[in-house]
Amino acid sequence: MIRKMKIDPKYKVRELAGEHVVVVQGAYGADMTRLVALNESSRYLWEKLRGREFDLDDVVSLLVERYEVDEATARRDAGAWMSRLAECGVLEQ
């Protein structure tokens, strides 16, 4: 069974000191104690996948489509990206 995930909508990408970071929106604004920096490819994936369900294969397809990377490398990188977001509590399952 393929497990679908979704980026939790309470997390938003913001620009902070020239970097794109993910912050959780709190009752009185952003929680600046919990930041995840996004590089260019992470931000691309975030923008393409926010608001919809996805799985590892969806992320791999986006990486292969956008970047000159083989499927094995894309699968490794996609898995690492999803694991990091899950570890930070950003993904809903």
PDB file of N, CA and C in Angstrom:
ATOM      1  N   MET A   1       0.835  -1.194   0.000  1.00  0.00           N
ATOM      2  CA  MET A   1       0.000   0.000   0.000  1.00  0.00           C
ATOM      3  C   MET A   1       0.878   1.256   0.000  1.00  0.00           C
ATOM      4  N   ILE A   2       0.601   2.163  -0.901  1.00  0.00           N
ATOM      5  CA  ILE A   2       1.349   3.416  -0.996  1.00  0.00           C
ATOM      6  C   ILE A   2       0.755   4.418  -0.017  1.00  0.00           C
ATOM      7  N   ARG A   3       1.620   4.970   0.810  1.00  0.00           N
ATOM      8  CA  ARG A   3       1.174   5.920   1.818  1.00  0.00           C
ATOM      9  C   ARG A   3       1.217   7.337   1.249  1.00  0.00           C
ATOM     10  N   LYS A   4       0.074   7.967   1.201  1.00  0.00           N
ATOM     11  CA  LYS A   4      -0.020   9.350   0.730  1.00  0.00           C
ATOM     12  C   LYS A   4       0.200  10.290   1.906  1.00  0.00           C
ATOM     13  N   MET A   5       0.827  11.399   1.641  1.00  0.00           N
ATOM     14  CA  MET A   5       1.080  12.426   2.641  1.00  0.00           C
ATOM     15  C   MET A   5       0.641  13.766   2.084  1.00  0.00           C
ATOM     16  N   LYS A   6       0.617  14.743   2.960  1.00  0.00           N
ATOM     17  CA  LYS A   6       0.237  16.092   2.563  1.00  0.00           C
ATOM     18  C   LYS A   6       0.983  17.067   3.468  1.00  0.00           C
ATOM     19  N   ILE A   7       1.406  18.183   2.902  1.00  0.00           N
ATOM     20  CA  ILE A   7       2.051  19.224   3.708  1.00  0.00           C
ATOM     21  C   ILE A   7       0.980  19.862   4.579  1.00  0.00           C
ATOM     22  N   ASP A   8       1.219  19.888   5.868  1.00  0.00           N
ATOM     23  CA  ASP A   8       0.269  20.475   6.814  1.00  0.00           C
ATOM     24  C   ASP A   8       0.086  21.961   6.472  1.00  0.00           C
ATOM     25  N   PRO A   9      -1.138  22.379   6.204  1.00  0.00           N
ATOM     26  CA  PRO A   9      -1.369  23.769   5.768  1.00  0.00           C
ATOM     27  C   PRO A   9      -1.033  24.835   6.805  1.00  0.00           C
ATOM     28  N   LYS A  10      -0.830  24.453   8.055  1.00  0.00           N
ATOM     29  CA  LYS A  10      -0.469  25.473   9.044  1.00  0.00           C
ATOM     30  C   LYS A  10       0.980  25.939   8.882  1.00  0.00           C
ATOM     31  N   TYR A  11       1.763  25.205   8.065  1.00  0.00           N
ATOM     32  CA  TYR A  11       3.142  25.609   7.799  1.00  0.00           C
ATOM     33  C   TYR A  11       3.196  26.462   6.541  1.00  0.00           C
ATOM     34  N   LYS A  12       3.930  27.545   6.611  1.00  0.00           N
ATOM     35  CA  LYS A  12       4.044  28.493   5.506  1.00  0.00           C
ATOM     36  C   LYS A  12       5.512  28.742   5.191  1.00  0.00           C
ATOM     37  N   VAL A  13       5.798  29.017   3.926  1.00  0.00           N
ATOM     38  CA  VAL A  13       7.153  29.405   3.522  1.00  0.00           C
ATOM     39  C   VAL A  13       7.244  30.917   3.595  1.00  0.00           C
ATOM     40  N   ARG A  14       8.281  31.387   4.228  1.00  0.00           N
ATOM     41  CA  ARG A  14       8.536  32.818   4.361  1.00  0.00           C
ATOM     42  C   ARG A  14       9.986  33.091   3.990  1.00  0.00           C
ATOM     43  N   GLU A  15      10.245  34.303   3.531  1.00  0.00           N
ATOM     44  CA  GLU A  15      11.624  34.703   3.279  1.00  0.00           C
ATOM     45  C   GLU A  15      12.137  35.413   4.523  1.00  0.00           C
ATOM     46  N   LEU A  16      13.289  34.977   4.990  1.00  0.00           N
ATOM     47  CA  LEU A  16      13.886  35.521   6.204  1.00  0.00           C
ATOM     48  C   LEU A  16      15.384  35.682   5.957  1.00  0.00           C
ATOM     49  N   ALA A  17      15.860  36.892   5.968  1.00  0.00           N
ATOM     50  CA  ALA A  17      17.277  37.186   5.746  1.00  0.00           C
ATOM     51  C   ALA A  17      17.788  36.559   4.451  1.00  0.00           C
ATOM     52  N   GLY A  18      16.976  36.625   3.404  1.00  0.00           N
ATOM     53  CA  GLY A  18      17.378  36.113   2.102  1.00  0.00           C
ATOM     54  C   GLY A  18      17.229  34.613   1.920  1.00  0.00           C
ATOM     55  N   GLU A  19      16.775  33.925   2.940  1.00  0.00           N
ATOM     56  CA  GLU A  19      16.569  32.478   2.876  1.00  0.00           C
ATOM     57  C   GLU A  19      15.082  32.179   2.909  1.00  0.00           C
ATOM     58  N   HIS A  20      14.678  31.094   2.269  1.00  0.00           N
ATOM     59  CA  HIS A  20      13.292  30.645   2.353  1.00  0.00           C
ATOM     60  C   HIS A  20      13.212  29.590   3.448  1.00  0.00           C
ATOM     61  N   VAL A  21      12.330  29.830   4.405  1.00  0.00           N
ATOM     62  CA  VAL A  21      12.188  28.934   5.549  1.00  0.00           C
ATOM     63  C   VAL A  21      10.725  28.589   5.755  1.00  0.00           C
ATOM     64  N   VAL A  22      10.509  27.435   6.388  1.00  0.00           N
ATOM     65  CA  VAL A  22       9.170  27.001   6.750  1.00  0.00           C
ATOM     66  C   VAL A  22       8.961  27.346   8.213  1.00  0.00           C
ATOM     67  N   VAL A  23       7.843  28.006   8.505  1.00  0.00           N
ATOM     68  CA  VAL A  23       7.505  28.350   9.890  1.00  0.00           C
ATOM     69  C   VAL A  23       6.085  27.888  10.184  1.00  0.00           C
ATOM     70  N   VAL A  24       5.830  27.581  11.435  1.00  0.00           N
ATOM     71  CA  VAL A  24       4.468  27.242  11.838  1.00  0.00           C
ATOM     72  C   VAL A  24       3.785  28.521  12.292  1.00  0.00           C
ATOM     73  N   GLN A  25       2.567  28.710  11.830  1.00  0.00           N
ATOM     74  CA  GLN A  25       1.796  29.883  12.218  1.00  0.00           C
ATOM     75  C   GLN A  25       1.189  29.651  13.599  1.00  0.00           C
ATOM     76  N   GLY A  26       1.543  30.474  14.543  1.00  0.00           N
ATOM     77  CA  GLY A  26       1.013  30.355  15.886  1.00  0.00           C
ATOM     78  C   GLY A  26      -0.168  31.281  16.107  1.00  0.00           C
ATOM     79  N   ALA A  27      -0.709  31.258  17.304  1.00  0.00           N
ATOM     80  CA  ALA A  27      -1.860  32.089  17.633  1.00  0.00           C
ATOM     81  C   ALA A  27      -1.517  33.577  17.525  1.00  0.00           C
ATOM     82  N   TYR A  28      -0.265  33.928  17.832  1.00  0.00           N
ATOM     83  CA  TYR A  28       0.141  35.328  17.807  1.00  0.00           C
ATOM     84  C   TYR A  28       1.200  35.586  16.743  1.00  0.00           C
ATOM     85  N   GLY A  29       1.205  34.800  15.679  1.00  0.00           N
ATOM     86  CA  GLY A  29       2.196  34.968  14.611  1.00  0.00           C
ATOM     87  C   GLY A  29       3.018  33.709  14.445  1.00  0.00           C
ATOM     88  N   ALA A  30       4.156  33.843  13.820  1.00  0.00           N
ATOM     89  CA  ALA A  30       5.005  32.699  13.500  1.00  0.00           C
ATOM     90  C   ALA A  30       5.815  32.256  14.713  1.00  0.00           C
ATOM     91  N   ASP A  31       5.995  30.954  14.832  1.00  0.00           N
ATOM     92  CA  ASP A  31       6.859  30.378  15.862  1.00  0.00           C
ATOM     93  C   ASP A  31       8.268  30.341  15.298  1.00  0.00           C
ATOM     94  N   MET A  32       9.089  31.310  15.626  1.00  0.00           N
ATOM     95  CA  MET A  32      10.423  31.426  15.059  1.00  0.00           C
ATOM     96  C   MET A  32      11.415  30.460  15.698  1.00  0.00           C
ATOM     97  N   THR A  33      10.972  29.668  16.669  1.00  0.00           N
ATOM     98  CA  THR A  33      11.861  28.677  17.265  1.00  0.00           C
ATOM     99  C   THR A  33      11.912  27.408  16.433  1.00  0.00           C
ATOM    100  N   ARG A  34      10.990  27.263  15.490  1.00  0.00           N
ATOM    101  CA  ARG A  34      10.944  26.070  14.656  1.00  0.00           C
ATOM    102  C   ARG A  34      11.004  26.479  13.191  1.00  0.00           C
ATOM    103  N   LEU A  35      12.210  26.488  12.645  1.00  0.00           N
ATOM    104  CA  LEU A  35      12.415  26.879  11.260  1.00  0.00           C
ATOM    105  C   LEU A  35      13.061  25.730  10.495  1.00  0.00           C
ATOM    106  N   VAL A  36      12.668  25.555   9.246  1.00  0.00           N
ATOM    107  CA  VAL A  36      13.288  24.597   8.343  1.00  0.00           C
ATOM    108  C   VAL A  36      13.688  25.385   7.102  1.00  0.00           C
ATOM    109  N   ALA A  37      14.981  25.439   6.820  1.00  0.00           N
ATOM    110  CA  ALA A  37      15.461  26.161   5.636  1.00  0.00           C
ATOM    111  C   ALA A  37      15.216  25.310   4.394  1.00  0.00           C
ATOM    112  N   LEU A  38      14.804  25.953   3.319  1.00  0.00           N
ATOM    113  CA  LEU A  38      14.560  25.272   2.053  1.00  0.00           C
ATOM    114  C   LEU A  38      15.571  25.736   1.013  1.00  0.00           C
ATOM    115  N   ASN A  39      16.266  24.783   0.411  1.00  0.00           N
ATOM    116  CA  ASN A  39      17.105  25.139  -0.728  1.00  0.00           C
ATOM    117  C   ASN A  39      16.208  25.247  -1.961  1.00  0.00           C
ATOM    118  N   GLU A  40      16.780  25.521  -3.107  1.00  0.00           N
ATOM    119  CA  GLU A  40      15.992  25.764  -4.318  1.00  0.00           C
ATOM    120  C   GLU A  40      15.129  24.560  -4.696  1.00  0.00           C
ATOM    121  N   SER A  41      15.688  23.371  -4.641  1.00  0.00           N
ATOM    122  CA  SER A  41      14.907  22.188  -5.030  1.00  0.00           C
ATOM    123  C   SER A  41      13.831  21.863  -4.002  1.00  0.00           C
ATOM    124  N   SER A  42      14.119  22.056  -2.724  1.00  0.00           N
ATOM    125  CA  SER A  42      13.110  21.829  -1.678  1.00  0.00           C
ATOM    126  C   SER A  42      11.951  22.803  -1.822  1.00  0.00           C
ATOM    127  N   ARG A  43      12.276  24.027  -2.137  1.00  0.00           N
ATOM    128  CA  ARG A  43      11.226  25.034  -2.324  1.00  0.00           C
ATOM    129  C   ARG A  43      10.372  24.702  -3.551  1.00  0.00           C
ATOM    130  N   TYR A  44      11.012  24.242  -4.620  1.00  0.00           N
ATOM    131  CA  TYR A  44      10.290  23.818  -5.822  1.00  0.00           C
ATOM    132  C   TYR A  44       9.292  22.711  -5.477  1.00  0.00           C
ATOM    133  N   LEU A  45       9.767  21.694  -4.741  1.00  0.00           N
ATOM    134  CA  LEU A  45       8.888  20.589  -4.361  1.00  0.00           C
ATOM    135  C   LEU A  45       7.735  21.094  -3.486  1.00  0.00           C
ATOM    136  N   TRP A  46       8.048  21.961  -2.542  1.00  0.00           N
ATOM    137  CA  TRP A  46       7.029  22.523  -1.651  1.00  0.00           C
ATOM    138  C   TRP A  46       5.933  23.207  -2.467  1.00  0.00           C
ATOM    139  N   GLU A  47       6.344  24.052  -3.394  1.00  0.00           N
ATOM    140  CA  GLU A  47       5.373  24.806  -4.197  1.00  0.00           C
ATOM    141  C   GLU A  47       4.526  23.873  -5.067  1.00  0.00           C
ATOM    142  N   LYS A  48       5.125  22.835  -5.621  1.00  0.00           N
ATOM    143  CA  LYS A  48       4.401  21.911  -6.483  1.00  0.00           C
ATOM    144  C   LYS A  48       3.443  21.009  -5.701  1.00  0.00           C
ATOM    145  N   LEU A  49       3.781  20.699  -4.450  1.00  0.00           N
ATOM    146  CA  LEU A  49       3.032  19.691  -3.706  1.00  0.00           C
ATOM    147  C   LEU A  49       2.103  20.236  -2.627  1.00  0.00           C
ATOM    148  N   ARG A  50       2.247  21.485  -2.253  1.00  0.00           N
ATOM    149  CA  ARG A  50       1.387  22.007  -1.180  1.00  0.00           C
ATOM    150  C   ARG A  50      -0.078  21.955  -1.624  1.00  0.00           C
ATOM    151  N   GLY A  51      -0.923  21.614  -0.691  1.00  0.00           N
ATOM    152  CA  GLY A  51      -2.359  21.569  -0.958  1.00  0.00           C
ATOM    153  C   GLY A  51      -2.845  20.291  -1.616  1.00  0.00           C
ATOM    154  N   ARG A  52      -1.964  19.314  -1.815  1.00  0.00           N
ATOM    155  CA  ARG A  52      -2.423  18.059  -2.425  1.00  0.00           C
ATOM    156  C   ARG A  52      -1.712  16.866  -1.789  1.00  0.00           C
ATOM    157  N   GLU A  53      -2.328  15.703  -1.913  1.00  0.00           N
ATOM    158  CA  GLU A  53      -1.709  14.484  -1.414  1.00  0.00           C
ATOM    159  C   GLU A  53      -0.649  14.021  -2.396  1.00  0.00           C
ATOM    160  N   PHE A  54       0.423  13.413  -1.866  1.00  0.00           N
ATOM    161  CA  PHE A  54       1.497  12.909  -2.710  1.00  0.00           C
ATOM    162  C   PHE A  54       2.185  11.742  -2.017  1.00  0.00           C
ATOM    163  N   ASP A  55       2.942  11.003  -2.798  1.00  0.00           N
ATOM    164  CA  ASP A  55       3.745   9.924  -2.252  1.00  0.00           C
ATOM    165  C   ASP A  55       5.163  10.035  -2.806  1.00  0.00           C
ATOM    166  N   LEU A  56       6.012   9.098  -2.458  1.00  0.00           N
ATOM    167  CA  LEU A  56       7.407   9.123  -2.877  1.00  0.00           C
ATOM    168  C   LEU A  56       7.536   9.185  -4.396  1.00  0.00           C
ATOM    169  N   ASP A  57       6.736   8.403  -5.103  1.00  0.00           N
ATOM    170  CA  ASP A  57       6.817   8.391  -6.570  1.00  0.00           C
ATOM    171  C   ASP A  57       6.484   9.752  -7.174  1.00  0.00           C
ATOM    172  N   ASP A  58       5.557  10.478  -6.577  1.00  0.00           N
ATOM    173  CA  ASP A  58       5.220  11.818  -7.063  1.00  0.00           C
ATOM    174  C   ASP A  58       6.421  12.756  -6.937  1.00  0.00           C
ATOM    175  N   VAL A  59       7.115  12.670  -5.807  1.00  0.00           N
ATOM    176  CA  VAL A  59       8.280  13.525  -5.568  1.00  0.00           C
ATOM    177  C   VAL A  59       9.403  13.153  -6.534  1.00  0.00           C
ATOM    178  N   VAL A  60       9.625  11.855  -6.713  1.00  0.00           N
ATOM    179  CA  VAL A  60      10.646  11.392  -7.649  1.00  0.00           C
ATOM    180  C   VAL A  60      10.365  11.922  -9.054  1.00  0.00           C
ATOM    181  N   SER A  61       9.131  11.822  -9.494  1.00  0.00           N
ATOM    182  CA  SER A  61       8.760  12.296 -10.837  1.00  0.00           C
ATOM    183  C   SER A  61       9.052  13.778 -11.010  1.00  0.00           C
ATOM    184  N   LEU A  62       8.735  14.571  -9.999  1.00  0.00           N
ATOM    185  CA  LEU A  62       8.997  16.009 -10.083  1.00  0.00           C
ATOM    186  C   LEU A  62      10.494  16.296 -10.180  1.00  0.00           C
ATOM    187  N   LEU A  63      11.300  15.569  -9.413  1.00  0.00           N
ATOM    188  CA  LEU A  63      12.743  15.791  -9.453  1.00  0.00           C
ATOM    189  C   LEU A  63      13.344  15.396 -10.801  1.00  0.00           C
ATOM    190  N   VAL A  64      12.927  14.246 -11.330  1.00  0.00           N
ATOM    191  CA  VAL A  64      13.437  13.781 -12.619  1.00  0.00           C
ATOM    192  C   VAL A  64      13.013  14.732 -13.739  1.00  0.00           C
ATOM    193  N   GLU A  65      11.781  15.214 -13.647  1.00  0.00           N
ATOM    194  CA  GLU A  65      11.246  16.127 -14.662  1.00  0.00           C
ATOM    195  C   GLU A  65      11.974  17.470 -14.673  1.00  0.00           C
ATOM    196  N   ARG A  66      12.288  17.986 -13.511  1.00  0.00           N
ATOM    197  CA  ARG A  66      12.855  19.345 -13.398  1.00  0.00           C
ATOM    198  C   ARG A  66      14.382  19.382 -13.504  1.00  0.00           C
ATOM    199  N   TYR A  67      15.040  18.370 -12.933  1.00  0.00           N
ATOM    200  CA  TYR A  67      16.498  18.389 -12.837  1.00  0.00           C
ATOM    201  C   TYR A  67      17.102  17.251 -13.664  1.00  0.00           C
ATOM    202  N   GLU A  68      18.309  17.417 -14.100  1.00  0.00           N
ATOM    203  CA  GLU A  68      19.004  16.368 -14.843  1.00  0.00           C
ATOM    204  C   GLU A  68      19.578  15.374 -13.839  1.00  0.00           C
ATOM    205  N   VAL A  69      18.708  14.477 -13.381  1.00  0.00           N
ATOM    206  CA  VAL A  69      19.083  13.511 -12.354  1.00  0.00           C
ATOM    207  C   VAL A  69      18.453  12.165 -12.699  1.00  0.00           C
ATOM    208  N   ASP A  70      19.193  11.093 -12.425  1.00  0.00           N
ATOM    209  CA  ASP A  70      18.643   9.766 -12.696  1.00  0.00           C
ATOM    210  C   ASP A  70      17.632   9.383 -11.617  1.00  0.00           C
ATOM    211  N   GLU A  71      16.832   8.388 -11.911  1.00  0.00           N
ATOM    212  CA  GLU A  71      15.747   8.019 -11.008  1.00  0.00           C
ATOM    213  C   GLU A  71      16.247   7.545  -9.645  1.00  0.00           C
ATOM    214  N   ALA A  72      17.348   6.811  -9.622  1.00  0.00           N
ATOM    215  CA  ALA A  72      17.875   6.317  -8.342  1.00  0.00           C
ATOM    216  C   ALA A  72      18.286   7.480  -7.433  1.00  0.00           C
ATOM    217  N   THR A  73      18.947   8.468  -8.004  1.00  0.00           N
ATOM    218  CA  THR A  73      19.352   9.643  -7.221  1.00  0.00           C
ATOM    219  C   THR A  73      18.126  10.422  -6.771  1.00  0.00           C
ATOM    220  N   ALA A  74      17.162  10.592  -7.680  1.00  0.00           N
ATOM    221  CA  ALA A  74      15.931  11.302  -7.336  1.00  0.00           C
ATOM    222  C   ALA A  74      15.187  10.583  -6.222  1.00  0.00           C
ATOM    223  N   ARG A  75      15.148   9.257  -6.252  1.00  0.00           N
ATOM    224  CA  ARG A  75      14.461   8.479  -5.219  1.00  0.00           C
ATOM    225  C   ARG A  75      15.141   8.663  -3.870  1.00  0.00           C
ATOM    226  N   ARG A  76      16.469   8.639  -3.860  1.00  0.00           N
ATOM    227  CA  ARG A  76      17.211   8.840  -2.608  1.00  0.00           C
ATOM    228  C   ARG A  76      16.943  10.239  -2.052  1.00  0.00           C
ATOM    229  N   ASP A  77      17.033  11.250  -2.927  1.00  0.00           N
ATOM    230  CA  ASP A  77      16.822  12.631  -2.488  1.00  0.00           C
ATOM    231  C   ASP A  77      15.380  12.880  -2.061  1.00  0.00           C
ATOM    232  N   ALA A  78      14.432  12.310  -2.786  1.00  0.00           N
ATOM    233  CA  ALA A  78      13.012  12.465  -2.438  1.00  0.00           C
ATOM    234  C   ALA A  78      12.725  11.846  -1.080  1.00  0.00           C
ATOM    235  N   GLY A  79      13.283  10.667  -0.847  1.00  0.00           N
ATOM    236  CA  GLY A  79      13.097  10.004   0.444  1.00  0.00           C
ATOM    237  C   GLY A  79      13.673  10.818   1.586  1.00  0.00           C
ATOM    238  N   ALA A  80      14.851  11.391   1.364  1.00  0.00           N
ATOM    239  CA  ALA A  80      15.484  12.225   2.392  1.00  0.00           C
ATOM    240  C   ALA A  80      14.655  13.479   2.658  1.00  0.00           C
ATOM    241  N   TRP A  81      14.129  14.102   1.593  1.00  0.00           N
ATOM    242  CA  TRP A  81      13.301  15.311   1.738  1.00  0.00           C
ATOM    243  C   TRP A  81      12.037  15.002   2.544  1.00  0.00           C
ATOM    244  N   MET A  82      11.371  13.912   2.183  1.00  0.00           N
ATOM    245  CA  MET A  82      10.137  13.550   2.885  1.00  0.00           C
ATOM    246  C   MET A  82      10.420  13.167   4.334  1.00  0.00           C
ATOM    247  N   SER A  83      11.515  12.450   4.569  1.00  0.00           N
ATOM    248  CA  SER A  83      11.874  12.060   5.938  1.00  0.00           C
ATOM    249  C   SER A  83      12.142  13.276   6.807  1.00  0.00           C
ATOM    250  N   ARG A  84      12.850  14.246   6.244  1.00  0.00           N
ATOM    251  CA  ARG A  84      13.169  15.455   7.013  1.00  0.00           C
ATOM    252  C   ARG A  84      11.901  16.241   7.365  1.00  0.00           C
ATOM    253  N   LEU A  85      11.003  16.376   6.397  1.00  0.00           N
ATOM    254  CA  LEU A  85       9.762  17.089   6.689  1.00  0.00           C
ATOM    255  C   LEU A  85       8.902  16.334   7.697  1.00  0.00           C
ATOM    256  N   ALA A  86       8.866  15.013   7.582  1.00  0.00           N
ATOM    257  CA  ALA A  86       8.103  14.194   8.539  1.00  0.00           C
ATOM    258  C   ALA A  86       8.705  14.327   9.934  1.00  0.00           C
ATOM    259  N   GLU A  87      10.033  14.303  10.018  1.00  0.00           N
ATOM    260  CA  GLU A  87      10.739  14.443  11.292  1.00  0.00           C
ATOM    261  C   GLU A  87      10.409  15.771  11.973  1.00  0.00           C
ATOM    262  N   CYS A  88      10.232  16.793  11.166  1.00  0.00           N
ATOM    263  CA  CYS A  88       9.915  18.131  11.697  1.00  0.00           C
ATOM    264  C   CYS A  88       8.427  18.324  11.939  1.00  0.00           C
ATOM    265  N   GLY A  89       7.618  17.316  11.619  1.00  0.00           N
ATOM    266  CA  GLY A  89       6.182  17.413  11.860  1.00  0.00           C
ATOM    267  C   GLY A  89       5.416  18.198  10.809  1.00  0.00           C
ATOM    268  N   VAL A  90       6.017  18.398   9.648  1.00  0.00           N
ATOM    269  CA  VAL A  90       5.411  19.223   8.611  1.00  0.00           C
ATOM    270  C   VAL A  90       4.429  18.428   7.751  1.00  0.00           C
ATOM    271  N   LEU A  91       4.576  17.118   7.691  1.00  0.00           N
ATOM    272  CA  LEU A  91       3.712  16.289   6.849  1.00  0.00           C
ATOM    273  C   LEU A  91       2.563  15.677   7.633  1.00  0.00           C
ATOM    274  N   GLU A  92       1.388  15.696   7.027  1.00  0.00           N
ATOM    275  CA  GLU A  92       0.230  14.981   7.550  1.00  0.00           C
ATOM    276  C   GLU A  92       0.189  13.632   6.852  1.00  0.00           C
ATOM    277  N   GLN A  93      -0.207  12.606   7.582  1.00  0.00           N
ATOM    278  CA  GLN A  93      -0.291  11.278   6.954  1.00  0.00           C
ATOM    279  C   GLN A  93      -1.704  10.787   6.929  1.00  0.00           C
TER     280      GLN A  93
END
